[in-house]
Amino acid sequence: MGSYRMCMCFTRKFRITEAEPPIDVKEAFAKYAEGGTHMTAEQLQRFLVEVQGDGKGDGSACVADAEKLLEQVLKSRHHIAKFTRHTLTLDDFHHYLFNPDLNRPINDKVHHDMKAPLSNYFIYTGHNSYLTGNQLSSDCSDRPIIKALQRGVRAVELDIWPNSTKDDVNVLHGRTLTTPVELLKCLRSIKENAFSASPYPVIITLEDHLTPDLQAKAAKVTSMFFCLHVLTYIVSRNIL
């Protein structure tokens, strides 16, 4: 139940309605609740093992996990410390499935065939990976790049521009007030953190705004870091 004030005089109350569970959620609930209106911990355990892939090989331990999860769902949904009911309704089940704190959307266990060409996969991709804030006036730094790689990001974007004296390469969001960071510093941080969260290839996209001599310098520096030590696929796009 929520409320809002009207005309600074009185308060009206309204009930917040939830979206109706989609058909596939209804079908899953009906299957694992065995046609009933409530799902028990044992039935939830079957769903976790057979659909979510969360089985541990020990049935009793899995049921205990399901009982704990069931209590968390009820507490999250109804905000009551103790419950007389220890089963899930369809709406409780729907709430669980789409609550990122209870049912994380990405399982950190790899279950695909990882021997296919790179183009066969969706890739966790960053954009303006060097920015600490907005695209107009924030600082550029290697810190956001490090954090992204530690989260498992596999594609890092760097916009490369000449520095103020035109003799070195900086990373920044061009023609804005963003403060630059050296390309060398970004590359070093990528090399050191590329595989901290994942063993799979890192893609670096270089949005190239350099003169030919600085392009050669950037290519030399990049190959120095990644030719032998890191499996990296580099895409260069010259839009000078």
Protein backbone atom coordinates (compact mmCIF):
# COMPACT_ATOMS: atom_id res chain seq x y z
CA MET A 1 0.00 0.00 0.00
CA GLY A 2 1.35 3.45 -0.94
CA SER A 3 0.17 7.01 -0.48
CA TYR A 4 0.52 10.49 -1.95
CA ARG A 5 -0.54 13.97 -0.87
CA MET A 6 -3.05 16.05 -2.85
CA CYS A 7 -3.32 19.85 -2.68
CA MET A 8 -1.30 19.85 0.59
CA CYS A 9 -4.59 19.05 2.36
CA PHE A 10 -5.23 15.35 2.52
CA THR A 11 -3.59 12.05 1.69
CA ARG A 12 -4.95 9.42 -0.67
CA LYS A 13 -3.87 5.82 -0.48
CA PHE A 14 -3.41 3.46 -3.40
CA ARG A 15 -2.52 -0.17 -3.77
CA ILE A 16 0.57 -1.03 -5.82
CA THR A 17 -0.30 -3.81 -8.25
CA GLU A 18 2.25 -6.27 -9.60
CA ALA A 19 2.50 -7.43 -13.18
CA GLU A 20 0.80 -10.74 -13.84
CA PRO A 21 3.24 -13.67 -14.14
CA PRO A 22 3.91 -14.55 -17.80
CA ILE A 23 2.71 -17.81 -19.25
CA ASP A 24 6.05 -19.63 -18.97
CA VAL A 25 6.25 -18.79 -15.25
CA LYS A 26 2.69 -20.05 -14.77
CA GLU A 27 3.53 -23.27 -16.59
CA ALA A 28 6.68 -23.85 -14.54
CA PHE A 29 4.79 -23.21 -11.31
CA ALA A 30 1.96 -25.55 -12.32
CA LYS A 31 4.44 -28.29 -13.23
CA TYR A 32 6.52 -28.15 -10.06
CA ALA A 33 3.62 -27.38 -7.70
CA GLU A 34 2.02 -30.49 -9.27
CA GLY A 35 -1.13 -28.59 -10.17
CA GLY A 36 -1.60 -27.13 -6.69
CA THR A 37 -1.91 -23.51 -5.61
CA HIS A 38 1.19 -23.58 -3.39
CA MET A 39 4.75 -24.80 -3.92
CA THR A 40 6.49 -26.61 -1.05
CA ALA A 41 10.21 -26.53 -0.28
CA GLU A 42 10.59 -30.03 -1.77
CA GLN A 43 8.90 -28.92 -4.98
CA LEU A 44 11.02 -25.76 -5.09
CA GLN A 45 14.11 -27.93 -4.62
CA ARG A 46 13.14 -29.95 -7.71
CA PHE A 47 12.78 -26.74 -9.71
CA LEU A 48 16.18 -25.48 -8.50
CA VAL A 49 17.89 -28.71 -9.52
CA GLU A 50 16.10 -29.46 -12.79
CA VAL A 51 15.65 -25.93 -14.17
CA GLN A 52 18.10 -23.63 -12.40
CA GLY A 53 20.90 -26.21 -12.26
CA ASP A 54 21.59 -25.54 -8.57
CA GLY A 55 21.77 -29.16 -7.38
CA LYS A 56 24.66 -30.15 -5.12
CA GLY A 57 24.26 -33.89 -5.41
CA ASP A 58 22.86 -34.27 -1.88
CA GLY A 59 19.07 -34.25 -1.90
CA SER A 60 18.64 -33.44 1.80
CA ALA A 61 21.09 -30.54 1.63
CA CYS A 62 19.27 -29.17 -1.41
CA VAL A 63 15.92 -29.32 0.39
CA ALA A 64 17.44 -27.43 3.31
CA ASP A 65 18.69 -24.80 0.86
CA ALA A 66 15.24 -24.59 -0.69
CA GLU A 67 13.63 -24.13 2.73
CA LYS A 68 16.01 -21.29 3.51
CA LEU A 69 15.38 -19.69 0.13
CA LEU A 70 11.62 -20.05 0.57
CA GLU A 71 11.81 -18.13 3.86
CA GLN A 72 13.89 -15.42 2.21
CA VAL A 73 11.34 -15.05 -0.57
CA LEU A 74 8.45 -14.73 1.88
CA LYS A 75 10.32 -12.22 4.02
CA SER A 76 11.35 -10.17 0.99
CA ARG A 77 7.85 -10.13 -0.42
CA HIS A 78 5.74 -9.77 2.71
CA HIS A 79 8.21 -8.07 5.13
CA ILE A 80 7.23 -10.29 8.06
CA ALA A 81 9.83 -11.90 10.31
CA LYS A 82 7.95 -15.16 11.05
CA PHE A 83 5.45 -17.02 8.91
CA THR A 84 2.82 -19.64 9.58
CA ARG A 85 2.86 -20.51 5.87
CA HIS A 86 5.94 -22.25 4.48
CA THR A 87 4.95 -22.53 0.83
CA LEU A 88 5.07 -20.22 -2.20
CA THR A 89 2.10 -18.95 -4.15
CA LEU A 90 2.38 -18.26 -7.87
CA ASP A 91 3.01 -14.57 -7.14
CA ASP A 92 5.71 -15.46 -4.58
CA PHE A 93 7.37 -17.72 -7.15
CA HIS A 94 7.19 -14.98 -9.79
CA HIS A 95 8.71 -12.51 -7.31
CA TYR A 96 11.59 -14.91 -6.62
CA LEU A 97 12.40 -15.47 -10.30
CA PHE A 98 12.70 -11.76 -11.11
CA ASN A 99 14.35 -10.58 -7.89
CA PRO A 100 18.08 -10.13 -8.62
CA ASP A 101 18.97 -10.39 -4.91
CA LEU A 102 17.32 -13.81 -4.63
CA ASN A 103 17.86 -15.19 -8.13
CA ARG A 104 20.92 -13.74 -9.81
CA PRO A 105 20.48 -13.42 -13.58
CA ILE A 106 23.97 -14.63 -14.51
CA ASN A 107 25.44 -17.90 -13.30
CA ASP A 108 29.22 -17.65 -13.01
CA LYS A 109 29.60 -21.28 -14.13
CA VAL A 110 30.41 -21.63 -17.84
CA HIS A 111 28.00 -24.07 -19.47
CA HIS A 112 28.55 -23.34 -23.18
CA ASP A 113 30.91 -24.96 -25.65
CA MET A 114 33.75 -22.43 -25.51
CA LYS A 115 35.60 -23.82 -28.55
CA ALA A 116 33.46 -22.07 -31.17
CA PRO A 117 34.59 -18.92 -33.06
CA LEU A 118 34.39 -15.64 -31.12
CA SER A 119 31.48 -14.39 -33.23
CA ASN A 120 29.27 -17.17 -31.83
CA TYR A 121 29.02 -15.56 -28.40
CA PHE A 122 27.45 -12.59 -26.69
CA ILE A 123 30.28 -10.56 -25.16
CA TYR A 124 30.19 -8.56 -21.91
CA THR A 125 31.13 -5.18 -23.37
CA GLY A 126 32.18 -1.83 -21.91
CA HIS A 127 31.65 1.61 -23.46
CA ASN A 128 33.93 4.59 -22.82
CA SER A 129 35.56 2.25 -20.34
CA TYR A 130 38.00 4.89 -19.10
CA LEU A 131 35.46 7.46 -17.82
CA THR A 132 34.97 7.93 -14.07
CA GLY A 133 31.70 9.85 -14.57
CA ASN A 134 29.82 11.76 -17.26
CA GLN A 135 31.01 12.09 -20.87
CA LEU A 136 31.49 15.88 -20.77
CA SER A 137 33.55 16.85 -17.74
CA SER A 138 34.63 13.81 -15.71
CA ASP A 139 38.15 12.45 -15.27
CA CYS A 140 39.60 9.75 -17.48
CA SER A 141 41.41 7.02 -15.57
CA ASP A 142 42.51 3.41 -15.64
CA ARG A 143 40.52 2.72 -12.46
CA PRO A 144 37.16 2.13 -14.23
CA ILE A 145 38.95 -0.21 -16.65
CA ILE A 146 40.38 -2.24 -13.77
CA LYS A 147 36.97 -2.46 -12.08
CA ALA A 148 35.31 -3.50 -15.35
CA LEU A 149 37.81 -6.30 -15.96
CA GLN A 150 37.43 -7.49 -12.37
CA ARG A 151 33.67 -7.76 -13.00
CA GLY A 152 34.33 -9.93 -16.06
CA VAL A 153 34.01 -7.38 -18.88
CA ARG A 154 35.63 -8.78 -22.02
CA ALA A 155 35.62 -5.73 -24.32
CA VAL A 156 37.24 -2.41 -23.40
CA GLU A 157 36.87 0.76 -25.46
CA LEU A 158 39.63 3.38 -25.58
CA ASP A 159 39.34 6.67 -27.50
CA ILE A 160 42.90 7.66 -28.38
CA TRP A 161 43.96 11.25 -29.15
CA PRO A 162 47.23 13.20 -29.42
CA ASN A 163 48.36 14.85 -26.20
CA SER A 164 48.70 18.64 -25.95
CA THR A 165 52.25 18.63 -27.37
CA LYS A 166 51.36 16.16 -30.16
CA ASP A 167 54.18 13.80 -29.19
CA ASP A 168 52.34 11.14 -27.20
CA VAL A 169 48.97 9.36 -26.99
CA ASN A 170 46.23 10.07 -24.48
CA VAL A 171 42.90 8.42 -23.78
CA LEU A 172 39.95 10.79 -23.41
CA HIS A 173 36.48 11.62 -24.68
CA GLY A 174 37.46 13.98 -27.46
CA ARG A 175 36.31 17.61 -27.82
CA THR A 176 34.97 17.67 -24.27
CA LEU A 177 36.27 18.85 -20.89
CA THR A 178 37.26 15.34 -19.77
CA THR A 179 40.78 15.16 -18.34
CA PRO A 180 43.04 12.67 -20.17
CA VAL A 181 44.90 9.59 -19.01
CA GLU A 182 47.97 8.16 -20.74
CA LEU A 183 47.40 5.25 -23.13
CA LEU A 184 50.42 3.51 -21.63
CA LYS A 185 48.81 3.53 -18.18
CA CYS A 186 45.56 2.07 -19.52
CA LEU A 187 47.35 -0.69 -21.42
CA ARG A 188 49.42 -1.63 -18.40
CA SER A 189 46.28 -1.92 -16.25
CA ILE A 190 44.56 -4.02 -18.91
CA LYS A 191 47.53 -6.39 -19.05
CA GLU A 192 47.63 -6.75 -15.26
CA ASN A 193 43.88 -7.29 -14.82
CA ALA A 194 42.71 -8.84 -18.10
CA PHE A 195 42.21 -12.33 -16.70
CA SER A 196 41.48 -11.63 -13.05
CA ALA A 197 37.82 -12.69 -13.49
CA SER A 198 37.80 -14.72 -16.71
CA PRO A 199 40.24 -16.79 -18.80
CA TYR A 200 38.60 -15.78 -22.09
CA PRO A 201 39.92 -13.26 -24.65
CA VAL A 202 39.84 -9.52 -24.06
CA ILE A 203 38.84 -7.26 -26.94
CA ILE A 204 40.26 -3.74 -27.06
CA THR A 205 38.55 -1.31 -29.44
CA LEU A 206 40.66 1.71 -30.28
CA GLU A 207 38.73 4.69 -31.58
CA ASP A 208 41.65 6.23 -33.44
CA HIS A 209 42.00 10.02 -33.74
CA LEU A 210 45.80 10.00 -34.20
CA THR A 211 48.22 11.32 -36.78
CA PRO A 212 50.17 8.65 -38.75
CA ASP A 213 53.30 8.98 -36.59
CA LEU A 214 51.29 8.60 -33.38
CA GLN A 215 49.39 5.67 -34.89
CA ALA A 216 52.74 3.92 -35.35
CA LYS A 217 53.70 4.77 -31.77
CA ALA A 218 50.40 3.47 -30.40
CA ALA A 219 50.74 0.26 -32.43
CA LYS A 220 54.27 -0.29 -31.10
CA VAL A 221 53.26 0.29 -27.47
CA THR A 222 50.19 -1.94 -27.80
CA SER A 223 52.14 -4.80 -29.40
CA MET A 224 54.80 -4.48 -26.70
CA PHE A 225 52.17 -5.19 -24.04
CA PHE A 226 50.04 -7.79 -25.78
CA CYS A 227 52.06 -9.58 -28.48
CA LEU A 228 53.27 -12.38 -26.21
CA HIS A 229 51.75 -11.93 -22.79
CA VAL A 230 48.02 -11.45 -23.30
CA LEU A 231 45.61 -13.00 -25.81
CA THR A 232 43.96 -9.82 -27.02
CA TYR A 233 42.00 -9.04 -30.18
CA ILE A 234 42.47 -5.41 -31.18
CA VAL A 235 40.17 -3.48 -33.51
CA SER A 236 41.37 -0.10 -34.73
CA ARG A 237 38.96 2.38 -36.29
CA ASN A 238 40.54 5.52 -37.71
CA ILE A 239 38.05 8.40 -37.72
CA LEU A 240 40.54 11.26 -37.78
